[in-house]
PDB file of all heavy atoms in Angstrom:
ATOM      1  N   ALA A   1       0.832  -1.161   0.035  1.00  0.00           N
ATOM      2  CA  ALA A   1       0.019   0.008   0.012  1.00  0.00           C
ATOM      3  C   ALA A   1       0.874   1.226  -0.010  1.00  0.00           C
ATOM      4  O   ALA A   1       2.095   1.152   0.207  1.00  0.00           O
ATOM      5  CB  ALA A   1      -0.910   0.009   1.266  1.00  0.00           C
ATOM      6  N   SER A   2       0.300   2.405  -0.241  1.00  0.00           N
ATOM      7  CA  SER A   2       1.060   3.611  -0.136  1.00  0.00           C
ATOM      8  C   SER A   2       1.388   3.873   1.350  1.00  0.00           C
ATOM      9  O   SER A   2       0.538   3.654   2.215  1.00  0.00           O
ATOM     10  CB  SER A   2       0.301   4.808  -0.739  1.00  0.00           C
ATOM     11  OG  SER A   2      -0.840   5.098   0.061  1.00  0.00           O
ATOM     12  N   VAL A   3       2.551   4.260   1.613  1.00  0.00           N
ATOM     13  CA  VAL A   3       3.065   4.503   3.020  1.00  0.00           C
ATOM     14  C   VAL A   3       3.781   5.852   3.066  1.00  0.00           C
ATOM     15  O   VAL A   3       4.591   6.135   2.171  1.00  0.00           O
ATOM     16  CB  VAL A   3       3.983   3.378   3.479  1.00  0.00           C
ATOM     17  CG1 VAL A   3       4.478   3.649   4.871  1.00  0.00           C
ATOM     18  CG2 VAL A   3       3.291   2.046   3.414  1.00  0.00           C
ATOM     19  N   SER A   4       3.505   6.673   4.058  1.00  0.00           N
ATOM     20  CA  SER A   4       4.183   7.909   4.183  1.00  0.00           C
ATOM     21  C   SER A   4       4.236   8.374   5.676  1.00  0.00           C
ATOM     22  O   SER A   4       3.543   7.738   6.514  1.00  0.00           O
ATOM     23  CB  SER A   4       3.523   8.996   3.346  1.00  0.00           C
ATOM     24  OG  SER A   4       2.185   9.208   3.772  1.00  0.00           O
ATOM     25  N   ASN A   5       4.946   9.398   5.919  1.00  0.00           N
ATOM     26  CA  ASN A   5       4.959  10.096   7.215  1.00  0.00           C
ATOM     27  C   ASN A   5       5.304   9.234   8.394  1.00  0.00           C
ATOM     28  O   ASN A   5       4.561   9.108   9.374  1.00  0.00           O
ATOM     29  CB  ASN A   5       3.605  10.853   7.455  1.00  0.00           C
ATOM     30  CG  ASN A   5       3.343  11.822   6.339  1.00  0.00           C
ATOM     31  OD1 ASN A   5       4.191  12.543   5.915  1.00  0.00           O
ATOM     32  ND2 ASN A   5       2.062  11.807   5.867  1.00  0.00           N
ATOM     33  N   LEU A   6       6.439   8.546   8.334  1.00  0.00           N
ATOM     34  CA  LEU A   6       6.863   7.692   9.415  1.00  0.00           C
ATOM     35  C   LEU A   6       7.250   8.526  10.606  1.00  0.00           C
ATOM     36  O   LEU A   6       7.867   9.626  10.491  1.00  0.00           O
ATOM     37  CB  LEU A   6       8.098   6.865   9.045  1.00  0.00           C
ATOM     38  CG  LEU A   6       7.917   5.812   7.938  1.00  0.00           C
ATOM     39  CD1 LEU A   6       9.266   5.077   7.713  1.00  0.00           C
ATOM     40  CD2 LEU A   6       6.849   4.828   8.381  1.00  0.00           C
ATOM     41  N   ALA A   7       6.943   8.074  11.806  1.00  0.00           N
ATOM     42  CA  ALA A   7       7.345   8.712  13.078  1.00  0.00           C
ATOM     43  C   ALA A   7       7.426   7.660  14.121  1.00  0.00           C
ATOM     44  O   ALA A   7       6.695   6.609  14.091  1.00  0.00           O
ATOM     45  CB  ALA A   7       6.363   9.820  13.468  1.00  0.00           C
ATOM     46  N   TRP A   8       8.234   7.843  15.135  1.00  0.00           N
ATOM     47  CA  TRP A   8       8.302   6.969  16.273  1.00  0.00           C
ATOM     48  C   TRP A   8       7.413   7.418  17.348  1.00  0.00           C
ATOM     49  O   TRP A   8       7.333   8.630  17.661  1.00  0.00           O
ATOM     50  CB  TRP A   8       9.757   6.906  16.780  1.00  0.00           C
ATOM     51  CG  TRP A   8      10.640   6.082  15.900  1.00  0.00           C
ATOM     52  CD1 TRP A   8      11.335   6.554  14.779  1.00  0.00           C
ATOM     53  CD2 TRP A   8      11.049   4.723  16.053  1.00  0.00           C
ATOM     54  NE1 TRP A   8      12.051   5.553  14.197  1.00  0.00           N
ATOM     55  CE2 TRP A   8      11.899   4.426  14.997  1.00  0.00           C
ATOM     56  CE3 TRP A   8      10.742   3.711  16.969  1.00  0.00           C
ATOM     57  CZ2 TRP A   8      12.463   3.160  14.813  1.00  0.00           C
ATOM     58  CZ3 TRP A   8      11.269   2.479  16.814  1.00  0.00           C
ATOM     59  CH2 TRP A   8      12.140   2.211  15.726  1.00  0.00           C
ATOM     60  N   ALA A   9       6.705   6.492  17.994  1.00  0.00           N
ATOM     61  CA  ALA A   9       5.918   6.832  19.177  1.00  0.00           C
ATOM     62  C   ALA A   9       6.864   7.096  20.338  1.00  0.00           C
ATOM     63  O   ALA A   9       7.972   6.612  20.332  1.00  0.00           O
ATOM     64  CB  ALA A   9       4.972   5.712  19.528  1.00  0.00           C
ATOM     65  N   ALA A  10       6.383   7.838  21.280  1.00  0.00           N
ATOM     66  CA  ALA A  10       7.209   8.137  22.530  1.00  0.00           C
ATOM     67  C   ALA A  10       7.653   6.832  23.123  1.00  0.00           C
ATOM     68  O   ALA A  10       6.871   5.899  23.246  1.00  0.00           O
ATOM     69  CB  ALA A  10       6.421   8.975  23.457  1.00  0.00           C
ATOM     70  N   GLY A  11       8.888   6.722  23.492  1.00  0.00           N
ATOM     71  CA  GLY A  11       9.393   5.538  24.054  1.00  0.00           C
ATOM     72  C   GLY A  11      10.028   4.538  23.081  1.00  0.00           C
ATOM     73  O   GLY A  11      10.778   3.698  23.461  1.00  0.00           O
ATOM     74  N   GLY A  12       9.728   4.756  21.806  1.00  0.00           N
ATOM     75  CA  GLY A  12      10.367   3.972  20.764  1.00  0.00           C
ATOM     76  C   GLY A  12       9.881   2.521  20.584  1.00  0.00           C
ATOM     77  O   GLY A  12      10.575   1.759  19.897  1.00  0.00           O
ATOM     78  N   SER A  13       8.744   2.212  21.146  1.00  0.00           N
ATOM     79  CA  SER A  13       8.260   0.845  21.000  1.00  0.00           C
ATOM     80  C   SER A  13       7.355   0.665  19.746  1.00  0.00           C
ATOM     81  O   SER A  13       7.083  -0.509  19.352  1.00  0.00           O
ATOM     82  CB  SER A  13       7.530   0.413  22.216  1.00  0.00           C
ATOM     83  OG  SER A  13       6.337   1.177  22.412  1.00  0.00           O
ATOM     84  N   GLU A  14       6.906   1.733  19.173  1.00  0.00           N
ATOM     85  CA  GLU A  14       5.993   1.621  17.977  1.00  0.00           C
ATOM     86  C   GLU A  14       6.408   2.626  16.946  1.00  0.00           C
ATOM     87  O   GLU A  14       6.926   3.705  17.258  1.00  0.00           O
ATOM     88  CB  GLU A  14       4.529   1.833  18.387  1.00  0.00           C
ATOM     89  CG  GLU A  14       3.991   0.824  19.380  1.00  0.00           C
ATOM     90  CD  GLU A  14       2.600   1.125  19.832  1.00  0.00           C
ATOM     91  OE1 GLU A  14       2.336   2.315  20.131  1.00  0.00           O
ATOM     92  OE2 GLU A  14       1.751   0.238  19.769  1.00  0.00           O
ATOM     93  N   ILE A  15       6.004   2.322  15.686  1.00  0.00           N
ATOM     94  CA  ILE A  15       6.257   3.232  14.593  1.00  0.00           C
ATOM     95  C   ILE A  15       4.895   3.632  14.035  1.00  0.00           C
ATOM     96  O   ILE A  15       3.978   2.743  13.873  1.00  0.00           O
ATOM     97  CB  ILE A  15       7.068   2.547  13.479  1.00  0.00           C
ATOM     98  CG1 ILE A  15       8.442   2.185  14.041  1.00  0.00           C
ATOM     99  CG2 ILE A  15       7.161   3.463  12.270  1.00  0.00           C
ATOM    100  CD1 ILE A  15       9.242   1.233  13.154  1.00  0.00           C
ATOM    101  N   LEU A  16       4.682   4.906  13.848  1.00  0.00           N
ATOM    102  CA  LEU A  16       3.432   5.432  13.315  1.00  0.00           C
ATOM    103  C   LEU A  16       3.632   5.780  11.842  1.00  0.00           C
ATOM    104  O   LEU A  16       4.702   6.227  11.449  1.00  0.00           O
ATOM    105  CB  LEU A  16       3.045   6.671  14.085  1.00  0.00           C
ATOM    106  CG  LEU A  16       3.059   6.596  15.643  1.00  0.00           C
ATOM    107  CD1 LEU A  16       2.861   7.949  16.272  1.00  0.00           C
ATOM    108  CD2 LEU A  16       2.039   5.559  16.073  1.00  0.00           C
ATOM    109  N   PHE A  17       2.571   5.573  11.075  1.00  0.00           N
ATOM    110  CA  PHE A  17       2.699   5.895   9.614  1.00  0.00           C
ATOM    111  C   PHE A  17       1.286   6.073   9.059  1.00  0.00           C
ATOM    112  O   PHE A  17       0.287   5.603   9.548  1.00  0.00           O
ATOM    113  CB  PHE A  17       3.487   4.880   8.834  1.00  0.00           C
ATOM    114  CG  PHE A  17       2.879   3.475   8.857  1.00  0.00           C
ATOM    115  CD1 PHE A  17       2.075   3.068   7.800  1.00  0.00           C
ATOM    116  CD2 PHE A  17       3.076   2.609   9.891  1.00  0.00           C
ATOM    117  CE1 PHE A  17       1.506   1.769   7.826  1.00  0.00           C
ATOM    118  CE2 PHE A  17       2.574   1.323   9.935  1.00  0.00           C
ATOM    119  CZ  PHE A  17       1.790   0.911   8.899  1.00  0.00           C
ATOM    120  N   ALA A  18       1.241   6.848   7.900  1.00  0.00           N
ATOM    121  CA  ALA A  18       0.016   6.978   7.164  1.00  0.00           C
ATOM    122  C   ALA A  18       0.029   5.967   5.983  1.00  0.00           C
ATOM    123  O   ALA A  18       1.096   5.701   5.394  1.00  0.00           O
ATOM    124  CB  ALA A  18      -0.070   8.399   6.634  1.00  0.00           C
ATOM    125  N   SER A  19      -1.143   5.424   5.698  1.00  0.00           N
ATOM    126  CA  SER A  19      -1.218   4.439   4.598  1.00  0.00           C
ATOM    127  C   SER A  19      -2.598   4.550   3.992  1.00  0.00           C
ATOM    128  O   SER A  19      -3.593   4.786   4.659  1.00  0.00           O
ATOM    129  CB  SER A  19      -0.935   3.039   5.129  1.00  0.00           C
ATOM    130  OG  SER A  19      -1.003   2.119   4.090  1.00  0.00           O
ATOM    131  N   ARG A  20      -2.589   4.316   2.677  1.00  0.00           N
ATOM    132  CA  ARG A  20      -3.895   4.253   1.990  1.00  0.00           C
ATOM    133  C   ARG A  20      -4.177   2.847   1.626  1.00  0.00           C
ATOM    134  O   ARG A  20      -3.467   2.216   0.808  1.00  0.00           O
ATOM    135  CB  ARG A  20      -3.807   5.163   0.755  1.00  0.00           C
ATOM    136  CG  ARG A  20      -5.155   5.230  -0.012  1.00  0.00           C
ATOM    137  CD  ARG A  20      -5.082   6.331  -1.074  1.00  0.00           C
ATOM    138  NE  ARG A  20      -6.327   6.385  -1.800  1.00  0.00           N
ATOM    139  CZ  ARG A  20      -7.430   7.036  -1.470  1.00  0.00           C
ATOM    140  NH1 ARG A  20      -7.429   7.692  -0.341  1.00  0.00           N
ATOM    141  NH2 ARG A  20      -8.468   7.015  -2.215  1.00  0.00           N
ATOM    142  N   GLN A  21      -5.204   2.284   2.164  1.00  0.00           N
ATOM    143  CA  GLN A  21      -5.593   0.911   1.930  1.00  0.00           C
ATOM    144  C   GLN A  21      -7.093   0.842   1.710  1.00  0.00           C
ATOM    145  O   GLN A  21      -7.863   1.523   2.374  1.00  0.00           O
ATOM    146  CB  GLN A  21      -5.217   0.041   3.127  1.00  0.00           C
ATOM    147  CG  GLN A  21      -3.720  -0.006   3.423  1.00  0.00           C
ATOM    148  CD  GLN A  21      -3.375  -0.810   4.610  1.00  0.00           C
ATOM    149  OE1 GLN A  21      -4.189  -1.547   5.117  1.00  0.00           O
ATOM    150  NE2 GLN A  21      -2.113  -0.738   5.031  1.00  0.00           N
ATOM    151  N   ALA A  22      -7.482   0.030   0.763  1.00  0.00           N
ATOM    152  CA  ALA A  22      -8.878  -0.130   0.396  1.00  0.00           C
ATOM    153  C   ALA A  22      -9.566   1.223   0.105  1.00  0.00           C
ATOM    154  O   ALA A  22     -10.729   1.413   0.512  1.00  0.00           O
ATOM    155  CB  ALA A  22      -9.619  -0.892   1.513  1.00  0.00           C
ATOM    156  N   GLY A  23      -8.833   2.091  -0.458  1.00  0.00           N
ATOM    157  CA  GLY A  23      -9.396   3.436  -0.891  1.00  0.00           C
ATOM    158  C   GLY A  23      -9.541   4.462   0.278  1.00  0.00           C
ATOM    159  O   GLY A  23     -10.056   5.521   0.069  1.00  0.00           O
ATOM    160  N   LYS A  24      -8.986   4.102   1.436  1.00  0.00           N
ATOM    161  CA  LYS A  24      -9.058   5.031   2.573  1.00  0.00           C
ATOM    162  C   LYS A  24      -7.699   5.313   3.181  1.00  0.00           C
ATOM    163  O   LYS A  24      -6.941   4.377   3.378  1.00  0.00           O
ATOM    164  CB  LYS A  24      -9.986   4.445   3.688  1.00  0.00           C
ATOM    165  CG  LYS A  24     -11.395   4.249   3.249  1.00  0.00           C
ATOM    166  CD  LYS A  24     -12.204   3.746   4.451  1.00  0.00           C
ATOM    167  CE  LYS A  24     -13.679   3.485   3.988  1.00  0.00           C
ATOM    168  NZ  LYS A  24     -14.473   2.947   5.022  1.00  0.00           N
ATOM    169  N   SER A  25      -7.414   6.593   3.435  1.00  0.00           N
ATOM    170  CA  SER A  25      -6.182   6.961   4.065  1.00  0.00           C
ATOM    171  C   SER A  25      -6.390   6.914   5.607  1.00  0.00           C
ATOM    172  O   SER A  25      -7.418   7.444   6.063  1.00  0.00           O
ATOM    173  CB  SER A  25      -5.766   8.396   3.666  1.00  0.00           C
ATOM    174  OG  SER A  25      -5.416   8.324   2.286  1.00  0.00           O
ATOM    175  N   ARG A  26      -5.488   6.281   6.306  1.00  0.00           N
ATOM    176  CA  ARG A  26      -5.563   6.145   7.735  1.00  0.00           C
ATOM    177  C   ARG A  26      -4.181   6.211   8.359  1.00  0.00           C
ATOM    178  O   ARG A  26      -3.184   6.031   7.733  1.00  0.00           O
ATOM    179  CB  ARG A  26      -6.185   4.820   8.099  1.00  0.00           C
ATOM    180  CG  ARG A  26      -7.581   4.615   7.609  1.00  0.00           C
ATOM    181  CD  ARG A  26      -8.129   3.267   8.023  1.00  0.00           C
ATOM    182  NE  ARG A  26      -9.505   3.115   7.642  1.00  0.00           N
ATOM    183  CZ  ARG A  26     -10.126   2.001   7.393  1.00  0.00           C
ATOM    184  NH1 ARG A  26      -9.437   0.876   7.539  1.00  0.00           N
ATOM    185  NH2 ARG A  26     -11.382   1.947   7.057  1.00  0.00           N
ATOM    186  N   LEU A  27      -4.212   6.486   9.718  1.00  0.00           N
ATOM    187  CA  LEU A  27      -3.018   6.419  10.476  1.00  0.00           C
ATOM    188  C   LEU A  27      -2.910   5.061  11.082  1.00  0.00           C
ATOM    189  O   LEU A  27      -3.876   4.501  11.634  1.00  0.00           O
ATOM    190  CB  LEU A  27      -2.944   7.508  11.530  1.00  0.00           C
ATOM    191  CG  LEU A  27      -2.859   8.928  11.017  1.00  0.00           C
ATOM    192  CD1 LEU A  27      -2.945   9.914  12.198  1.00  0.00           C
ATOM    193  CD2 LEU A  27      -1.583   9.139  10.257  1.00  0.00           C
ATOM    194  N   PHE A  28      -1.693   4.499  11.072  1.00  0.00           N
ATOM    195  CA  PHE A  28      -1.467   3.168  11.646  1.00  0.00           C
ATOM    196  C   PHE A  28      -0.300   3.218  12.628  1.00  0.00           C
ATOM    197  O   PHE A  28       0.512   4.113  12.582  1.00  0.00           O
ATOM    198  CB  PHE A  28      -1.103   2.182  10.566  1.00  0.00           C
ATOM    199  CG  PHE A  28      -2.217   1.775   9.601  1.00  0.00           C
ATOM    200  CD1 PHE A  28      -2.530   2.625   8.569  1.00  0.00           C
ATOM    201  CD2 PHE A  28      -2.987   0.668   9.833  1.00  0.00           C
ATOM    202  CE1 PHE A  28      -3.563   2.255   7.650  1.00  0.00           C
ATOM    203  CE2 PHE A  28      -3.986   0.317   9.030  1.00  0.00           C
ATOM    204  CZ  PHE A  28      -4.315   1.139   7.923  1.00  0.00           C
ATOM    205  N   LYS A  29      -0.256   2.195  13.496  1.00  0.00           N
ATOM    206  CA  LYS A  29       0.892   2.031  14.342  1.00  0.00           C
ATOM    207  C   LYS A  29       1.250   0.494  14.250  1.00  0.00           C
ATOM    208  O   LYS A  29       0.361  -0.325  14.057  1.00  0.00           O
ATOM    209  CB  LYS A  29       0.616   2.458  15.844  1.00  0.00           C
ATOM    210  CG  LYS A  29      -0.395   1.626  16.466  1.00  0.00           C
ATOM    211  CD  LYS A  29      -0.580   2.103  17.912  1.00  0.00           C
ATOM    212  CE  LYS A  29      -1.679   1.269  18.645  1.00  0.00           C
ATOM    213  NZ  LYS A  29      -1.830   1.670  20.013  1.00  0.00           N
ATOM    214  N   ILE A  30       2.530   0.245  14.420  1.00  0.00           N
ATOM    215  CA  ILE A  30       2.982  -1.120  14.348  1.00  0.00           C
ATOM    216  C   ILE A  30       4.176  -1.263  15.388  1.00  0.00           C
ATOM    217  O   ILE A  30       4.956  -0.312  15.496  1.00  0.00           O
ATOM    218  CB  ILE A  30       3.492  -1.498  12.934  1.00  0.00           C
ATOM    219  CG1 ILE A  30       3.774  -3.016  12.843  1.00  0.00           C
ATOM    220  CG2 ILE A  30       4.716  -0.722  12.524  1.00  0.00           C
ATOM    221  CD1 ILE A  30       3.915  -3.533  11.438  1.00  0.00           C
ATOM    222  N   PRO A  31       4.188  -2.332  16.094  1.00  0.00           N
ATOM    223  CA  PRO A  31       5.277  -2.545  17.065  1.00  0.00           C
ATOM    224  C   PRO A  31       6.615  -2.559  16.336  1.00  0.00           C
ATOM    225  O   PRO A  31       6.764  -3.156  15.257  1.00  0.00           O
ATOM    226  CB  PRO A  31       4.994  -3.862  17.750  1.00  0.00           C
ATOM    227  CG  PRO A  31       3.513  -4.115  17.517  1.00  0.00           C
ATOM    228  CD  PRO A  31       3.214  -3.442  16.222  1.00  0.00           C
ATOM    229  N   ALA A  32       7.648  -1.977  16.888  1.00  0.00           N
ATOM    230  CA  ALA A  32       8.956  -1.985  16.315  1.00  0.00           C
ATOM    231  C   ALA A  32       9.524  -3.402  16.255  1.00  0.00           C
ATOM    232  O   ALA A  32      10.466  -3.698  15.493  1.00  0.00           O
ATOM    233  CB  ALA A  32       9.911  -1.016  17.049  1.00  0.00           C
ATOM    234  N   THR A  33       9.033  -4.285  17.049  1.00  0.00           N
ATOM    235  CA  THR A  33       9.442  -5.663  17.061  1.00  0.00           C
ATOM    236  C   THR A  33       8.732  -6.509  15.950  1.00  0.00           C
ATOM    237  O   THR A  33       9.106  -7.661  15.739  1.00  0.00           O
ATOM    238  CB  THR A  33       9.179  -6.340  18.411  1.00  0.00           C
ATOM    239  OG1 THR A  33       7.806  -6.181  18.726  1.00  0.00           O
ATOM    240  CG2 THR A  33      10.043  -5.646  19.496  1.00  0.00           C
ATOM    241  N   GLY A  34       7.736  -5.909  15.308  1.00  0.00           N
ATOM    242  CA  GLY A  34       6.973  -6.569  14.298  1.00  0.00           C
ATOM    243  C   GLY A  34       5.593  -6.943  14.813  1.00  0.00           C
ATOM    244  O   GLY A  34       5.321  -6.840  15.978  1.00  0.00           O
TER     245      GLY A  34
END
């Protein structure tokens, strides 16, 4: 999917990013460990 605007959450345990999936743009977070 399209991915942009990466940022780290406070504490560094998660990564935040914007993504466009299924026709909708949303903000997501994912654990830095996967």
